[in-house]
């Protein structure tokens, strides 16, 4: 999911509406994996990423990349 695409879409939606002063804050939560070879945890950049410690591909995905809408405030 592209963060900039979401930001752009929100700007287009809010343009020329009562919500032109909308402030968009996006906190990206990285995916987390544990290597099954060396047992070290690391941030997973994409599904093809190798372990940065031992270059193995065998891993357990602990947390997927997330995007949450925490709040919407209209002033």
N, C-alpha and C. Protein backbone atom coordinates (compact mmCIF):
# COMPACT_ATOMS: atom_id res chain seq x y z
N UNK A 1 0.85 -1.17 0.00
CA UNK A 1 0.00 0.00 0.00
C UNK A 1 0.90 1.24 0.00
N UNK A 2 0.67 2.12 -0.94
CA UNK A 2 1.48 3.32 -1.05
C UNK A 2 0.91 4.45 -0.20
N UNK A 3 1.68 4.89 0.75
CA UNK A 3 1.25 5.96 1.65
C UNK A 3 0.99 7.25 0.88
N UNK A 4 1.84 7.57 -0.08
CA UNK A 4 1.67 8.80 -0.84
C UNK A 4 0.40 8.77 -1.68
N UNK A 5 0.01 7.61 -2.17
CA UNK A 5 -1.24 7.48 -2.94
C UNK A 5 -2.44 7.76 -2.04
N UNK A 6 -2.39 7.27 -0.82
CA UNK A 6 -3.48 7.53 0.13
C UNK A 6 -3.55 9.01 0.47
N UNK A 7 -2.40 9.61 0.72
CA UNK A 7 -2.35 11.05 1.04
C UNK A 7 -2.92 11.86 -0.12
N UNK A 8 -2.53 11.54 -1.35
CA UNK A 8 -3.02 12.25 -2.52
C UNK A 8 -4.53 12.10 -2.67
N UNK A 9 -5.03 10.88 -2.48
CA UNK A 9 -6.47 10.64 -2.60
C UNK A 9 -7.25 11.45 -1.58
N UNK A 10 -6.75 11.53 -0.36
CA UNK A 10 -7.44 12.32 0.66
C UNK A 10 -7.44 13.81 0.32
N UNK A 11 -6.34 14.30 -0.24
CA UNK A 11 -6.27 15.71 -0.65
C UNK A 11 -7.28 16.00 -1.75
N UNK A 12 -7.41 15.09 -2.72
CA UNK A 12 -8.35 15.27 -3.82
C UNK A 12 -9.79 15.25 -3.31
N UNK A 13 -10.08 14.32 -2.42
CA UNK A 13 -11.43 14.20 -1.87
C UNK A 13 -11.82 15.46 -1.09
N UNK A 14 -10.88 16.02 -0.35
CA UNK A 14 -11.18 17.16 0.51
C UNK A 14 -11.11 18.52 -0.21
N UNK A 15 -10.56 18.53 -1.41
CA UNK A 15 -10.40 19.78 -2.15
C UNK A 15 -11.76 20.41 -2.43
N UNK A 16 -11.86 21.72 -2.19
CA UNK A 16 -13.08 22.50 -2.44
C UNK A 16 -14.28 22.00 -1.62
N UNK A 17 -14.03 21.51 -0.44
CA UNK A 17 -15.11 21.10 0.46
C UNK A 17 -14.93 21.82 1.79
N UNK A 18 -15.84 21.57 2.72
CA UNK A 18 -15.74 22.17 4.04
C UNK A 18 -14.51 21.67 4.79
N UNK A 19 -13.93 20.58 4.31
CA UNK A 19 -12.80 19.99 5.01
C UNK A 19 -11.46 20.30 4.36
N UNK A 20 -11.33 21.49 3.77
CA UNK A 20 -10.07 21.86 3.12
C UNK A 20 -8.93 22.03 4.11
N UNK A 21 -9.24 22.17 5.39
CA UNK A 21 -8.18 22.32 6.39
C UNK A 21 -7.83 20.99 7.06
N UNK A 22 -8.18 19.90 6.43
CA UNK A 22 -7.89 18.58 6.99
C UNK A 22 -6.38 18.37 7.04
N UNK A 23 -5.92 17.89 8.16
CA UNK A 23 -4.51 17.55 8.32
C UNK A 23 -4.40 16.03 8.36
N UNK A 24 -3.59 15.49 7.48
CA UNK A 24 -3.42 14.04 7.40
C UNK A 24 -2.08 13.67 8.03
N UNK A 25 -2.13 12.82 9.04
CA UNK A 25 -0.92 12.30 9.67
C UNK A 25 -0.97 10.79 9.54
N UNK A 26 0.05 10.23 8.91
CA UNK A 26 0.09 8.80 8.69
C UNK A 26 1.30 8.21 9.40
N UNK A 27 1.05 7.27 10.29
CA UNK A 27 2.12 6.54 10.97
C UNK A 27 2.17 5.15 10.37
N UNK A 28 3.28 4.83 9.77
CA UNK A 28 3.43 3.54 9.11
C UNK A 28 4.05 2.55 10.10
N UNK A 29 3.45 1.38 10.22
CA UNK A 29 3.95 0.34 11.11
C UNK A 29 4.55 -0.75 10.24
N UNK A 30 5.84 -1.00 10.40
CA UNK A 30 6.55 -1.95 9.57
C UNK A 30 6.18 -3.39 9.88
N UNK A 31 6.36 -4.25 8.89
CA UNK A 31 6.18 -5.68 9.10
C UNK A 31 7.41 -6.21 9.85
N UNK A 32 7.21 -7.24 10.63
CA UNK A 32 8.29 -7.82 11.44
C UNK A 32 8.37 -9.31 11.17
N UNK A 33 9.59 -9.81 11.01
CA UNK A 33 9.80 -11.23 10.76
C UNK A 33 10.88 -11.78 11.67
N UNK A 34 10.86 -13.11 11.87
CA UNK A 34 11.93 -13.79 12.61
C UNK A 34 12.53 -14.84 11.67
N UNK A 35 13.83 -14.78 11.51
CA UNK A 35 14.53 -15.74 10.67
C UNK A 35 14.51 -17.12 11.35
N UNK A 36 14.15 -18.14 10.59
CA UNK A 36 14.11 -19.50 11.15
C UNK A 36 15.49 -20.14 11.18
N UNK A 37 16.47 -19.51 10.54
CA UNK A 37 17.84 -20.05 10.53
C UNK A 37 18.64 -19.48 11.70
N UNK A 38 18.69 -18.14 11.81
CA UNK A 38 19.50 -17.52 12.87
C UNK A 38 18.67 -17.01 14.05
N UNK A 39 17.34 -17.08 13.94
CA UNK A 39 16.40 -16.70 15.01
C UNK A 39 16.39 -15.20 15.35
N UNK A 40 16.95 -14.36 14.50
CA UNK A 40 16.93 -12.92 14.75
C UNK A 40 15.69 -12.29 14.12
N UNK A 41 15.16 -11.26 14.78
CA UNK A 41 14.01 -10.52 14.26
C UNK A 41 14.49 -9.32 13.45
N UNK A 42 13.72 -8.98 12.43
CA UNK A 42 14.07 -7.85 11.58
C UNK A 42 12.83 -7.29 10.91
N UNK A 43 12.90 -6.01 10.50
CA UNK A 43 11.82 -5.37 9.77
C UNK A 43 11.79 -5.94 8.36
N UNK A 44 10.62 -6.34 7.91
CA UNK A 44 10.46 -6.94 6.60
C UNK A 44 10.08 -5.84 5.62
N UNK A 45 10.98 -5.52 4.71
CA UNK A 45 10.75 -4.44 3.75
C UNK A 45 9.74 -4.85 2.68
N UNK A 46 9.84 -6.08 2.19
CA UNK A 46 8.89 -6.61 1.22
C UNK A 46 8.90 -8.13 1.31
N UNK A 47 8.03 -8.79 0.58
CA UNK A 47 7.90 -10.25 0.70
C UNK A 47 9.11 -11.01 0.17
N UNK A 48 9.96 -10.35 -0.59
CA UNK A 48 11.15 -11.01 -1.14
C UNK A 48 12.41 -10.74 -0.32
N UNK A 49 12.29 -10.01 0.76
CA UNK A 49 13.46 -9.65 1.57
C UNK A 49 14.10 -10.87 2.20
N UNK A 50 15.42 -10.89 2.16
CA UNK A 50 16.19 -11.92 2.84
C UNK A 50 16.54 -11.43 4.24
N UNK A 51 16.91 -12.34 5.11
CA UNK A 51 17.35 -11.97 6.45
C UNK A 51 18.60 -11.10 6.32
N UNK A 52 18.62 -9.92 6.93
CA UNK A 52 19.79 -9.05 6.82
C UNK A 52 21.01 -9.57 7.61
N UNK A 53 20.80 -10.58 8.44
CA UNK A 53 21.88 -11.11 9.27
C UNK A 53 22.57 -12.32 8.64
N UNK A 54 21.77 -13.23 8.04
CA UNK A 54 22.37 -14.45 7.49
C UNK A 54 21.98 -14.72 6.03
N UNK A 55 21.17 -13.85 5.45
CA UNK A 55 20.73 -13.93 4.05
C UNK A 55 19.80 -15.11 3.75
N UNK A 56 19.22 -15.70 4.77
CA UNK A 56 18.27 -16.79 4.56
C UNK A 56 16.91 -16.22 4.17
N UNK A 57 16.12 -17.03 3.46
CA UNK A 57 14.77 -16.62 3.09
C UNK A 57 13.72 -17.20 4.03
N UNK A 58 14.04 -18.29 4.70
CA UNK A 58 13.10 -18.98 5.58
C UNK A 58 12.82 -18.13 6.82
N UNK A 59 11.57 -17.71 6.95
CA UNK A 59 11.23 -16.80 8.05
C UNK A 59 9.80 -17.01 8.50
N UNK A 60 9.53 -16.52 9.69
CA UNK A 60 8.19 -16.49 10.25
C UNK A 60 7.76 -15.03 10.30
N UNK A 61 6.61 -14.71 9.73
CA UNK A 61 6.13 -13.33 9.77
C UNK A 61 5.40 -13.13 11.08
N UNK A 62 5.90 -12.20 11.90
CA UNK A 62 5.35 -11.94 13.22
C UNK A 62 4.28 -10.86 13.20
N UNK A 63 4.47 -9.88 12.32
CA UNK A 63 3.52 -8.76 12.25
C UNK A 63 3.50 -8.25 10.81
N UNK A 64 2.31 -8.07 10.27
CA UNK A 64 2.19 -7.55 8.91
C UNK A 64 2.21 -6.03 8.94
N UNK A 65 2.50 -5.45 7.79
CA UNK A 65 2.50 -4.00 7.66
C UNK A 65 1.08 -3.51 7.86
N UNK A 66 0.93 -2.47 8.67
CA UNK A 66 -0.41 -2.01 9.04
C UNK A 66 -0.62 -0.55 8.69
N UNK A 67 -1.86 -0.23 8.51
CA UNK A 67 -2.27 1.16 8.33
C UNK A 67 -3.62 1.31 9.00
N UNK A 68 -3.69 2.16 9.98
CA UNK A 68 -4.92 2.38 10.74
C UNK A 68 -5.31 3.85 10.70
N UNK A 69 -6.59 4.11 10.61
CA UNK A 69 -7.09 5.47 10.77
C UNK A 69 -7.36 5.62 12.26
N UNK A 70 -6.55 6.44 12.88
CA UNK A 70 -6.65 6.61 14.33
C UNK A 70 -7.74 7.60 14.70
N UNK A 71 -7.85 8.69 13.93
CA UNK A 71 -8.85 9.69 14.24
C UNK A 71 -9.12 10.55 13.02
N UNK A 72 -10.32 11.08 12.98
CA UNK A 72 -10.70 12.05 11.95
C UNK A 72 -11.27 13.24 12.71
N UNK A 73 -10.65 14.40 12.50
CA UNK A 73 -11.09 15.60 13.19
C UNK A 73 -11.46 16.66 12.16
N UNK A 74 -12.66 17.20 12.26
CA UNK A 74 -13.12 18.26 11.36
C UNK A 74 -13.37 19.50 12.19
N UNK A 75 -12.73 20.58 11.81
CA UNK A 75 -12.89 21.83 12.55
C UNK A 75 -13.70 22.83 11.76
